[in-house]
Amino acid sequence: MPSLPFPNLRPSSSVATPPRGPSATPFGTAPAASRNAAADERTPLRIPGRASQDLAAGLLITSFGLIALWMGRDWPTGTLAYVQSGFFPRMIGALMVLAGAVVTGRSLLAHGAALPSWGWRPLFGVTAAVLAFAGTVETLGLVPAVLILVGVGNLAGQPLRPVPLALLGGALAAGCVALFVWGLGLPLQVWPLGVWP
C-alpha cells in the first residue's frame, strides 16, 4: 500500500520547548520580576506629599538667614540714603529667611526629589570658603578676601585651571568693589593697610 502523507511529527528547532529537569536559571539569580520586587523593597519609604530635598534646602536657607540676623543684631543699619554696616547683613538675612520659608512650604505641598547622599567635599569646601572670607575681609581688605574666597571655593568641586580661576577671581573682586564701594559707598577696606588708599 502506498504510504499516507503524515505531517512531520518531530519538533521543529524554532519551537521553544520547556526545559526538562531542574530550572535553567543559574544558581543565585532570580527572575526579572522578583529582582524588580526586591529593588522596590530596598527603595526608602517616602512620605506622600513631601519633597525631602526641598525641605532640607528650605530649612538650611532659613537657618543661615536666622544666623545672619542674629550676628548683625547690634550693627547699625542706617537709612536708604545713608547705609551703614548692618543694613545689608540684615536685608540679606531677612531675604534668606523668606526664601527658606517659601521653599519649605512648597516642599510640604508638592512631590519632589528625595534627599541624596551627602557630598562632603562641596559641603566642607564652601563652608571653608565662606569662613575664610569672613575672617579676612576686615584684616586684608575686600579684594584679597574675594580672591581667597574663590581660591578656597575652587576646592569644593572640579577645580578650574589657573587662568580661568584667575579671571573669575579678578572679575568677582572688581565687581564687588564697583558695586559695594563705588556704587553704594560702603566703608569697606579694599586693600590691606598701607598697600593702596
N, C-alpha and C. Protein backbone atom coordinates (compact mmCIF):
# COMPACT_ATOMS: atom_id res chain seq x y z
N MET A 1 0.85 -1.19 0.00
CA MET A 1 0.00 0.00 0.00
C MET A 1 0.88 1.24 0.00
N PRO A 2 0.38 2.22 -0.71
CA PRO A 2 1.17 3.46 -0.68
C PRO A 2 1.09 4.11 0.69
N SER A 3 2.14 4.69 1.10
CA SER A 3 2.18 5.34 2.42
C SER A 3 1.41 6.64 2.39
N LEU A 4 0.70 6.84 3.48
CA LEU A 4 -0.07 8.08 3.58
C LEU A 4 0.86 9.22 3.99
N PRO A 5 0.59 10.41 3.46
CA PRO A 5 1.44 11.56 3.86
C PRO A 5 1.10 12.03 5.27
N PHE A 6 2.00 11.77 6.21
CA PHE A 6 1.81 12.24 7.57
C PHE A 6 2.65 13.50 7.80
N PRO A 7 2.15 14.41 8.60
CA PRO A 7 2.98 15.60 8.90
C PRO A 7 4.21 15.21 9.70
N ASN A 8 5.18 16.07 9.63
CA ASN A 8 6.42 15.83 10.35
C ASN A 8 6.15 15.95 11.84
N LEU A 9 6.26 14.83 12.53
CA LEU A 9 5.95 14.82 13.95
C LEU A 9 7.12 15.21 14.84
N ARG A 10 8.28 15.35 14.26
CA ARG A 10 9.44 15.75 15.05
C ARG A 10 9.35 17.23 15.41
N PRO A 11 9.70 17.60 16.63
CA PRO A 11 9.58 19.02 17.00
C PRO A 11 10.55 19.87 16.19
N SER A 12 10.04 21.01 15.78
CA SER A 12 10.87 21.94 15.00
C SER A 12 11.85 22.64 15.92
N SER A 13 13.00 23.01 15.33
CA SER A 13 14.02 23.70 16.14
C SER A 13 13.62 25.11 16.51
N SER A 14 12.65 25.69 15.75
CA SER A 14 12.23 27.06 16.03
C SER A 14 11.21 27.14 17.16
N VAL A 15 10.60 25.99 17.50
CA VAL A 15 9.61 26.00 18.57
C VAL A 15 10.34 25.80 19.89
N ALA A 16 10.06 26.71 20.84
CA ALA A 16 10.73 26.63 22.14
C ALA A 16 10.09 25.54 22.97
N THR A 17 10.89 24.69 23.50
CA THR A 17 10.40 23.60 24.36
C THR A 17 10.82 23.89 25.77
N PRO A 18 9.93 23.59 26.70
CA PRO A 18 10.30 23.85 28.10
C PRO A 18 11.45 22.98 28.52
N PRO A 19 12.34 23.50 29.34
CA PRO A 19 13.49 22.71 29.78
C PRO A 19 13.05 21.59 30.68
N ARG A 20 13.76 20.47 30.55
CA ARG A 20 13.47 19.32 31.38
C ARG A 20 14.42 19.31 32.58
N GLY A 21 13.93 18.77 33.62
CA GLY A 21 14.77 18.66 34.80
C GLY A 21 14.78 19.94 35.60
N PRO A 22 15.87 20.25 36.27
CA PRO A 22 15.93 21.45 37.11
C PRO A 22 15.85 22.71 36.28
N SER A 23 15.58 23.84 36.95
CA SER A 23 15.42 25.12 36.27
C SER A 23 16.72 25.52 35.59
N ALA A 24 16.54 26.20 34.41
CA ALA A 24 17.71 26.64 33.66
C ALA A 24 18.29 27.93 34.21
N THR A 25 17.62 28.55 35.19
CA THR A 25 18.13 29.79 35.77
C THR A 25 19.37 29.49 36.58
N PRO A 26 20.47 30.23 36.38
CA PRO A 26 21.68 29.95 37.15
C PRO A 26 21.44 30.09 38.63
N PHE A 27 22.22 29.33 39.39
CA PHE A 27 22.08 29.37 40.84
C PHE A 27 22.44 30.75 41.36
N GLY A 28 21.64 31.28 42.27
CA GLY A 28 21.92 32.57 42.89
C GLY A 28 21.29 33.74 42.17
N THR A 29 20.60 33.51 41.03
CA THR A 29 19.94 34.60 40.33
C THR A 29 18.44 34.40 40.42
N ALA A 30 17.70 35.51 40.26
CA ALA A 30 16.26 35.47 40.36
C ALA A 30 15.67 36.01 39.07
N PRO A 31 14.47 35.64 38.75
CA PRO A 31 13.83 36.21 37.55
C PRO A 31 13.72 37.72 37.66
N ALA A 32 13.41 38.35 36.50
CA ALA A 32 13.38 39.82 36.46
C ALA A 32 12.29 40.37 37.36
N ALA A 33 11.12 39.71 37.42
CA ALA A 33 10.04 40.22 38.25
C ALA A 33 10.43 40.23 39.72
N SER A 34 11.07 39.13 40.17
CA SER A 34 11.46 39.09 41.57
C SER A 34 12.59 40.06 41.87
N ARG A 35 13.49 40.28 40.88
CA ARG A 35 14.55 41.27 41.10
C ARG A 35 13.97 42.66 41.22
N ASN A 36 12.98 43.00 40.38
CA ASN A 36 12.35 44.32 40.47
C ASN A 36 11.63 44.48 41.80
N ALA A 37 10.97 43.40 42.27
CA ALA A 37 10.29 43.49 43.56
C ALA A 37 11.28 43.70 44.69
N ALA A 38 12.44 43.03 44.61
CA ALA A 38 13.47 43.23 45.64
C ALA A 38 14.02 44.64 45.60
N ALA A 39 14.19 45.18 44.38
CA ALA A 39 14.67 46.56 44.28
C ALA A 39 13.68 47.54 44.85
N ASP A 40 12.36 47.27 44.64
CA ASP A 40 11.36 48.16 45.21
C ASP A 40 11.36 48.09 46.73
N GLU A 41 11.65 46.90 47.29
CA GLU A 41 11.70 46.79 48.74
C GLU A 41 12.89 47.55 49.31
N ARG A 42 13.99 47.65 48.54
CA ARG A 42 15.16 48.39 49.04
C ARG A 42 14.98 49.90 48.93
N THR A 43 14.02 50.36 48.12
CA THR A 43 13.80 51.80 47.96
C THR A 43 13.32 52.39 49.27
N PRO A 44 13.92 53.49 49.74
CA PRO A 44 13.49 54.08 51.01
C PRO A 44 12.05 54.58 50.91
N LEU A 45 11.34 54.47 52.01
CA LEU A 45 9.96 54.91 52.05
C LEU A 45 9.88 56.42 51.95
N ARG A 46 8.92 56.90 51.19
CA ARG A 46 8.70 58.33 51.01
C ARG A 46 7.38 58.71 51.64
N ILE A 47 7.34 59.81 52.34
CA ILE A 47 6.09 60.31 52.89
C ILE A 47 5.33 61.01 51.78
N PRO A 48 4.08 60.66 51.52
CA PRO A 48 3.35 61.31 50.42
C PRO A 48 3.23 62.80 50.63
N GLY A 49 3.39 63.54 49.55
CA GLY A 49 3.27 64.98 49.62
C GLY A 49 4.48 65.68 50.19
N ARG A 50 5.61 65.00 50.29
CA ARG A 50 6.80 65.60 50.86
C ARG A 50 7.93 65.53 49.85
N ALA A 51 8.69 66.61 49.76
CA ALA A 51 9.89 66.65 48.94
C ALA A 51 11.06 66.85 49.89
N SER A 52 11.71 65.77 50.26
CA SER A 52 12.72 65.84 51.31
C SER A 52 13.90 66.70 50.90
N GLN A 53 14.26 66.72 49.62
CA GLN A 53 15.39 67.55 49.19
C GLN A 53 15.04 69.03 49.32
N ASP A 54 13.84 69.42 48.89
CA ASP A 54 13.42 70.82 49.04
C ASP A 54 13.23 71.19 50.50
N LEU A 55 12.75 70.25 51.30
CA LEU A 55 12.58 70.53 52.72
C LEU A 55 13.91 70.81 53.40
N ALA A 56 14.91 69.98 53.12
CA ALA A 56 16.23 70.20 53.71
C ALA A 56 16.84 71.51 53.23
N ALA A 57 16.67 71.82 51.94
CA ALA A 57 17.21 73.08 51.42
C ALA A 57 16.52 74.28 52.05
N GLY A 58 15.21 74.21 52.21
CA GLY A 58 14.50 75.33 52.83
C GLY A 58 14.89 75.56 54.27
N LEU A 59 15.04 74.47 55.03
CA LEU A 59 15.46 74.62 56.42
C LEU A 59 16.89 75.15 56.52
N LEU A 60 17.76 74.73 55.61
CA LEU A 60 19.14 75.20 55.64
C LEU A 60 19.21 76.69 55.30
N ILE A 61 18.48 77.12 54.29
CA ILE A 61 18.47 78.54 53.93
C ILE A 61 17.90 79.38 55.06
N THR A 62 16.83 78.89 55.67
CA THR A 62 16.22 79.62 56.79
C THR A 62 17.19 79.74 57.96
N SER A 63 17.91 78.66 58.26
CA SER A 63 18.86 78.72 59.37
C SER A 63 19.99 79.69 59.09
N PHE A 64 20.48 79.73 57.86
CA PHE A 64 21.52 80.70 57.52
C PHE A 64 21.01 82.13 57.66
N GLY A 65 19.78 82.36 57.23
CA GLY A 65 19.21 83.70 57.37
C GLY A 65 19.05 84.11 58.82
N LEU A 66 18.61 83.18 59.67
CA LEU A 66 18.48 83.50 61.09
C LEU A 66 19.83 83.76 61.74
N ILE A 67 20.85 83.01 61.33
CA ILE A 67 22.19 83.25 61.86
C ILE A 67 22.69 84.63 61.44
N ALA A 68 22.43 85.02 60.19
CA ALA A 68 22.85 86.35 59.73
C ALA A 68 22.12 87.45 60.50
N LEU A 69 20.84 87.27 60.76
CA LEU A 69 20.10 88.27 61.54
C LEU A 69 20.62 88.35 62.96
N TRP A 70 20.96 87.20 63.55
CA TRP A 70 21.45 87.21 64.92
C TRP A 70 22.84 87.85 65.01
N MET A 71 23.70 87.57 64.04
CA MET A 71 25.04 88.15 64.07
C MET A 71 25.01 89.66 63.87
N GLY A 72 24.07 90.16 63.08
CA GLY A 72 24.01 91.60 62.82
C GLY A 72 23.01 92.34 63.67
N ARG A 73 22.62 91.75 64.80
CA ARG A 73 21.58 92.38 65.61
C ARG A 73 22.04 93.68 66.25
N ASP A 74 23.34 93.84 66.50
CA ASP A 74 23.85 95.05 67.16
C ASP A 74 24.48 96.03 66.17
N TRP A 75 24.50 95.70 64.90
CA TRP A 75 25.12 96.59 63.91
C TRP A 75 24.13 97.68 63.51
N PRO A 76 24.62 98.88 63.34
CA PRO A 76 23.71 99.97 62.92
C PRO A 76 23.31 99.79 61.46
N THR A 77 22.02 99.97 61.19
CA THR A 77 21.52 99.80 59.83
C THR A 77 21.52 101.10 59.04
N GLY A 78 21.25 102.21 59.69
CA GLY A 78 21.18 103.48 58.96
C GLY A 78 19.88 103.59 58.18
N THR A 79 19.94 104.35 57.10
CA THR A 79 18.78 104.55 56.24
C THR A 79 19.17 104.24 54.80
N LEU A 80 18.20 104.31 53.90
CA LEU A 80 18.50 104.07 52.49
C LEU A 80 19.42 105.15 51.93
N ALA A 81 19.31 106.35 52.46
CA ALA A 81 20.19 107.42 52.00
C ALA A 81 21.60 107.30 52.58
N TYR A 82 21.68 106.76 53.79
CA TYR A 82 22.99 106.59 54.43
C TYR A 82 23.05 105.18 54.99
N VAL A 83 23.53 104.26 54.18
CA VAL A 83 23.58 102.85 54.56
C VAL A 83 24.78 102.62 55.46
N GLN A 84 24.53 101.92 56.57
CA GLN A 84 25.61 101.58 57.48
C GLN A 84 25.89 100.09 57.44
N SER A 85 26.76 99.65 58.31
CA SER A 85 27.31 98.29 58.19
C SER A 85 26.29 97.20 58.42
N GLY A 86 25.23 97.44 59.16
CA GLY A 86 24.27 96.39 59.45
C GLY A 86 23.11 96.30 58.48
N PHE A 87 23.06 97.19 57.50
CA PHE A 87 21.91 97.21 56.61
C PHE A 87 21.86 95.97 55.72
N PHE A 88 22.95 95.72 55.01
CA PHE A 88 22.96 94.60 54.07
C PHE A 88 22.93 93.24 54.76
N PRO A 89 23.66 93.02 55.87
CA PRO A 89 23.51 91.73 56.55
C PRO A 89 22.07 91.45 56.98
N ARG A 90 21.39 92.45 57.50
CA ARG A 90 20.00 92.23 57.92
C ARG A 90 19.08 92.03 56.71
N MET A 91 19.30 92.80 55.66
CA MET A 91 18.45 92.65 54.48
C MET A 91 18.64 91.27 53.85
N ILE A 92 19.90 90.84 53.71
CA ILE A 92 20.16 89.53 53.12
C ILE A 92 19.63 88.43 54.04
N GLY A 93 19.80 88.58 55.36
CA GLY A 93 19.27 87.59 56.29
C GLY A 93 17.75 87.47 56.21
N ALA A 94 17.06 88.62 56.12
CA ALA A 94 15.60 88.58 56.02
C ALA A 94 15.16 87.94 54.70
N LEU A 95 15.86 88.24 53.61
CA LEU A 95 15.52 87.62 52.32
C LEU A 95 15.77 86.12 52.34
N MET A 96 16.84 85.68 53.02
CA MET A 96 17.11 84.25 53.12
C MET A 96 16.04 83.54 53.96
N VAL A 97 15.59 84.18 55.04
CA VAL A 97 14.52 83.58 55.84
C VAL A 97 13.25 83.47 55.03
N LEU A 98 12.93 84.51 54.26
CA LEU A 98 11.73 84.48 53.42
C LEU A 98 11.82 83.41 52.34
N ALA A 99 12.97 83.34 51.67
CA ALA A 99 13.15 82.32 50.63
C ALA A 99 13.11 80.92 51.22
N GLY A 100 13.73 80.73 52.38
CA GLY A 100 13.70 79.41 53.02
C GLY A 100 12.30 79.01 53.44
N ALA A 101 11.50 79.98 53.90
CA ALA A 101 10.12 79.66 54.28
C ALA A 101 9.30 79.27 53.06
N VAL A 102 9.52 79.95 51.92
CA VAL A 102 8.79 79.60 50.69
C VAL A 102 9.17 78.20 50.22
N VAL A 103 10.47 77.89 50.22
CA VAL A 103 10.91 76.56 49.78
C VAL A 103 10.41 75.48 50.72
N THR A 104 10.44 75.75 52.03
CA THR A 104 9.95 74.77 53.00
C THR A 104 8.45 74.53 52.84
N GLY A 105 7.69 75.60 52.67
CA GLY A 105 6.25 75.44 52.47
C GLY A 105 5.92 74.69 51.19
N ARG A 106 6.66 74.96 50.14
CA ARG A 106 6.42 74.24 48.88
C ARG A 106 6.74 72.76 49.02
N SER A 107 7.77 72.44 49.79
CA SER A 107 8.14 71.04 49.95
C SER A 107 7.09 70.24 50.71
N LEU A 108 6.26 70.91 51.52
CA LEU A 108 5.22 70.22 52.26
C LEU A 108 3.96 69.99 51.44
N LEU A 109 3.87 70.64 50.28
CA LEU A 109 2.66 70.55 49.47
C LEU A 109 2.84 69.79 48.19
N ALA A 110 4.06 69.66 47.71
CA ALA A 110 4.29 69.05 46.40
C ALA A 110 5.28 67.90 46.53
N HIS A 111 5.18 66.99 45.56
CA HIS A 111 6.15 65.90 45.48
C HIS A 111 7.46 66.42 44.90
N GLY A 112 8.54 65.82 45.31
CA GLY A 112 9.84 66.25 44.81
C GLY A 112 10.88 65.16 44.96
N ALA A 113 12.11 65.54 44.69
CA ALA A 113 13.21 64.58 44.72
C ALA A 113 13.54 64.19 46.15
N ALA A 114 14.01 62.97 46.29
CA ALA A 114 14.45 62.50 47.61
C ALA A 114 15.79 63.12 47.96
N LEU A 115 16.10 63.09 49.24
CA LEU A 115 17.36 63.67 49.71
C LEU A 115 18.51 62.78 49.28
N PRO A 116 19.45 63.31 48.49
CA PRO A 116 20.55 62.47 48.02
C PRO A 116 21.58 62.25 49.12
N SER A 117 22.55 61.43 48.81
CA SER A 117 23.65 61.22 49.75
C SER A 117 24.49 62.49 49.88
N TRP A 118 25.10 62.65 51.02
CA TRP A 118 25.85 63.87 51.31
C TRP A 118 27.10 63.95 50.45
N GLY A 119 27.34 65.13 49.89
CA GLY A 119 28.60 65.40 49.22
C GLY A 119 29.50 66.17 50.19
N TRP A 120 30.37 65.44 50.85
CA TRP A 120 31.16 66.07 51.91
C TRP A 120 32.16 67.07 51.37
N ARG A 121 32.70 66.83 50.19
CA ARG A 121 33.70 67.76 49.66
C ARG A 121 33.10 69.13 49.36
N PRO A 122 31.96 69.23 48.66
CA PRO A 122 31.38 70.57 48.47
C PRO A 122 30.95 71.22 49.78
N LEU A 123 30.45 70.41 50.72
CA LEU A 123 30.00 70.98 51.99
C LEU A 123 31.15 71.64 52.74
N PHE A 124 32.25 70.90 52.90
CA PHE A 124 33.38 71.46 53.63
C PHE A 124 34.08 72.56 52.82
N GLY A 125 34.13 72.41 51.49
CA GLY A 125 34.80 73.42 50.66
C GLY A 125 34.10 74.76 50.69
N VAL A 126 32.78 74.75 50.53
CA VAL A 126 32.02 76.01 50.55
C VAL A 126 32.04 76.63 51.94
N THR A 127 31.90 75.79 52.97
CA THR A 127 31.94 76.32 54.34
C THR A 127 33.30 76.95 54.65
N ALA A 128 34.38 76.30 54.26
CA ALA A 128 35.71 76.86 54.49
C ALA A 128 35.91 78.15 53.71
N ALA A 129 35.36 78.22 52.49
CA ALA A 129 35.50 79.45 51.69
C ALA A 129 34.78 80.61 52.34
N VAL A 130 33.56 80.37 52.85
CA VAL A 130 32.80 81.45 53.50
C VAL A 130 33.49 81.90 54.78
N LEU A 131 33.98 80.94 55.57
CA LEU A 131 34.68 81.31 56.81
C LEU A 131 35.98 82.06 56.51
N ALA A 132 36.68 81.66 55.45
CA ALA A 132 37.91 82.37 55.09
C ALA A 132 37.61 83.80 54.66
N PHE A 133 36.53 83.99 53.93
CA PHE A 133 36.16 85.35 53.53
C PHE A 133 35.79 86.19 54.75
N ALA A 134 35.00 85.62 55.66
CA ALA A 134 34.59 86.38 56.84
C ALA A 134 35.77 86.71 57.74
N GLY A 135 36.79 85.86 57.77
CA GLY A 135 37.94 86.11 58.63
C GLY A 135 38.99 87.03 58.05
N THR A 136 38.92 87.28 56.74
CA THR A 136 39.96 88.10 56.11
C THR A 136 39.46 89.41 55.51
N VAL A 137 38.14 89.62 55.43
CA VAL A 137 37.65 90.82 54.76
C VAL A 137 37.97 92.08 55.54
N GLU A 138 38.05 92.01 56.86
CA GLU A 138 38.35 93.20 57.64
C GLU A 138 39.84 93.41 57.84
N THR A 139 40.62 92.36 57.82
CA THR A 139 42.06 92.50 58.06
C THR A 139 42.85 92.70 56.76
N LEU A 140 42.49 91.95 55.72
CA LEU A 140 43.22 92.04 54.46
C LEU A 140 42.57 92.95 53.44
N GLY A 141 41.28 93.17 53.56
CA GLY A 141 40.59 94.01 52.59
C GLY A 141 39.67 93.17 51.71
N LEU A 142 38.85 93.88 50.94
CA LEU A 142 37.82 93.21 50.13
C LEU A 142 38.42 92.40 48.99
N VAL A 143 39.36 92.97 48.26
CA VAL A 143 39.92 92.28 47.10
C VAL A 143 40.65 91.00 47.50
N PRO A 144 41.58 91.02 48.46
CA PRO A 144 42.21 89.74 48.85
C PRO A 144 41.22 88.74 49.42
N ALA A 145 40.20 89.22 50.15
CA ALA A 145 39.22 88.30 50.72
C ALA A 145 38.42 87.60 49.63
N VAL A 146 38.06 88.34 48.58
CA VAL A 146 37.32 87.73 47.47
C VAL A 146 38.20 86.72 46.74
N LEU A 147 39.47 87.06 46.55
CA LEU A 147 40.38 86.12 45.89
C LEU A 147 40.58 84.85 46.71
N ILE A 148 40.67 85.00 48.03
CA ILE A 148 40.78 83.82 48.90
C ILE A 148 39.50 83.01 48.84
N LEU A 149 38.35 83.69 48.82
CA LEU A 149 37.06 83.01 48.72
C LEU A 149 36.99 82.16 47.45
N VAL A 150 37.41 82.73 46.33
CA VAL A 150 37.37 82.00 45.06
C VAL A 150 38.36 80.83 45.08
N GLY A 151 39.56 81.07 45.64
CA GLY A 151 40.57 80.02 45.66
C GLY A 151 40.17 78.83 46.52
N VAL A 152 39.64 79.11 47.71
CA VAL A 152 39.22 78.02 48.60
C VAL A 152 37.97 77.34 48.07
N GLY A 153 37.04 78.14 47.53
CA GLY A 153 35.82 77.55 46.97
C GLY A 153 36.08 76.70 45.75
N ASN A 154 37.20 76.94 45.08
CA ASN A 154 37.55 76.13 43.91
C ASN A 154 37.82 74.68 44.30
N LEU A 155 38.17 74.44 45.55
CA LEU A 155 38.42 73.07 46.00
C LEU A 155 37.15 72.29 46.31
N ALA A 156 36.00 72.97 46.27
CA ALA A 156 34.75 72.30 46.61
C ALA A 156 34.24 71.40 45.50
N GLY A 157 34.64 71.62 44.28
CA GLY A 157 34.18 70.82 43.17
C GLY A 157 35.32 70.47 42.24
N GLN A 158 34.98 70.37 40.97
CA GLN A 158 36.03 70.11 39.99
C GLN A 158 36.88 71.36 39.83
N PRO A 159 38.16 71.32 40.17
CA PRO A 159 38.98 72.54 40.16
C PRO A 159 39.14 73.11 38.76
N LEU A 160 39.12 74.45 38.71
CA LEU A 160 39.37 75.14 37.46
C LEU A 160 40.87 75.22 37.20
N ARG A 161 41.21 75.47 35.96
CA ARG A 161 42.61 75.70 35.62
C ARG A 161 43.05 77.07 36.12
N PRO A 162 44.35 77.30 36.24
CA PRO A 162 44.81 78.57 36.84
C PRO A 162 44.33 79.82 36.10
N VAL A 163 44.33 79.79 34.77
CA VAL A 163 43.93 81.01 34.04
C VAL A 163 42.45 81.31 34.22
N PRO A 164 41.53 80.36 34.00
CA PRO A 164 40.11 80.68 34.28
C PRO A 164 39.85 81.03 35.73
N LEU A 165 40.58 80.40 36.65
CA LEU A 165 40.40 80.73 38.06
C LEU A 165 40.82 82.16 38.36
N ALA A 166 41.95 82.58 37.79
CA ALA A 166 42.41 83.96 37.99
C ALA A 166 41.44 84.96 37.37
N LEU A 167 40.91 84.64 36.19
CA LEU A 167 39.94 85.54 35.55
C LEU A 167 38.66 85.63 36.37
N LEU A 168 38.21 84.51 36.90
CA LEU A 168 37.00 84.53 37.73
C LEU A 168 37.21 85.34 39.00
N GLY A 169 38.34 85.12 39.68
CA GLY A 169 38.61 85.88 40.89
C GLY A 169 38.74 87.37 40.63
N GLY A 170 39.44 87.75 39.55
CA GLY A 170 39.58 89.16 39.23
C GLY A 170 38.25 89.82 38.88
N ALA A 171 37.41 89.10 38.13
CA ALA A 171 36.10 89.65 37.76
C ALA A 171 35.20 89.82 38.98
N LEU A 172 35.20 88.84 39.87
CA LEU A 172 34.38 88.96 41.08
C LEU A 172 34.89 90.04 42.01
N ALA A 173 36.20 90.17 42.16
CA ALA A 173 36.75 91.22 43.01
C ALA A 173 36.44 92.60 42.45
N ALA A 174 36.60 92.76 41.14
CA ALA A 174 36.28 94.05 40.52
C ALA A 174 34.80 94.37 40.64
N GLY A 175 33.94 93.35 40.46
CA GLY A 175 32.51 93.59 40.59
C GLY A 175 32.11 93.96 42.01
N CYS A 176 32.72 93.33 43.02
CA CYS A 176 32.41 93.68 44.41
C CYS A 176 32.85 95.09 44.74
N VAL A 177 34.03 95.48 44.27
CA VAL A 177 34.50 96.84 44.53
C VAL A 177 33.59 97.86 43.83
N ALA A 178 33.23 97.58 42.58
CA ALA A 178 32.38 98.51 41.84
C ALA A 178 30.99 98.63 42.46
N LEU A 179 30.45 97.52 42.95
CA LEU A 179 29.09 97.55 43.48
C LEU A 179 29.04 98.11 44.90
N PHE A 180 29.86 97.55 45.79
CA PHE A 180 29.73 97.90 47.20
C PHE A 180 30.50 99.15 47.60
N VAL A 181 31.66 99.37 47.01
CA VAL A 181 32.49 100.52 47.42
C VAL A 181 32.15 101.75 46.59
N TRP A 182 32.19 101.63 45.26
CA TRP A 182 31.92 102.79 44.41
C TRP A 182 30.43 103.07 44.26
N GLY A 183 29.64 102.03 44.02
CA GLY A 183 28.22 102.25 43.78
C GLY A 183 27.44 102.59 45.04
N LEU A 184 27.59 101.78 46.10
CA LEU A 184 26.83 102.00 47.33
C LEU A 184 27.58 102.82 48.36
N GLY A 185 28.86 102.99 48.16
CA GLY A 185 29.64 103.80 49.09
C GLY A 185 29.81 103.19 50.46
N LEU A 186 29.87 101.86 50.55
CA LEU A 186 30.06 101.24 51.85
C LEU A 186 31.49 101.44 52.35
N PRO A 187 31.65 101.65 53.65
CA PRO A 187 33.00 101.87 54.18
C PRO A 187 33.77 100.56 54.33
N LEU A 188 34.12 99.97 53.22
CA LEU A 188 34.85 98.71 53.23
C LEU A 188 36.30 98.96 52.84
N GLN A 189 37.19 98.29 53.53
CA GLN A 189 38.62 98.35 53.19
C GLN A 189 38.85 97.49 51.94
N VAL A 190 39.39 98.11 50.90
CA VAL A 190 39.56 97.40 49.63
C VAL A 190 40.85 96.61 49.62
N TRP A 191 41.95 97.21 50.04
CA TRP A 191 43.27 96.56 50.02
C TRP A 191 43.82 96.49 51.44
N PRO A 192 44.84 95.71 51.68
CA PRO A 192 45.48 95.72 53.01
C PRO A 192 46.01 97.10 53.34
N LEU A 193 46.07 97.41 54.62
CA LEU A 193 46.54 98.73 55.05
C LEU A 193 47.95 98.98 54.58
N GLY A 194 48.18 100.15 54.03
CA GLY A 194 49.49 100.54 53.56
C GLY A 194 49.80 100.11 52.13
N VAL A 195 48.91 99.34 51.50
CA VAL A 195 49.16 98.91 50.12
C VAL A 195 48.53 99.88 49.13
N TRP A 196 47.27 100.28 49.39
CA TRP A 196 46.56 101.17 48.47
C TRP A 196 45.58 101.97 49.28
N PRO A 197 45.35 103.23 48.92
CA PRO A 197 44.41 104.05 49.71
C PRO A 197 42.99 103.54 49.62
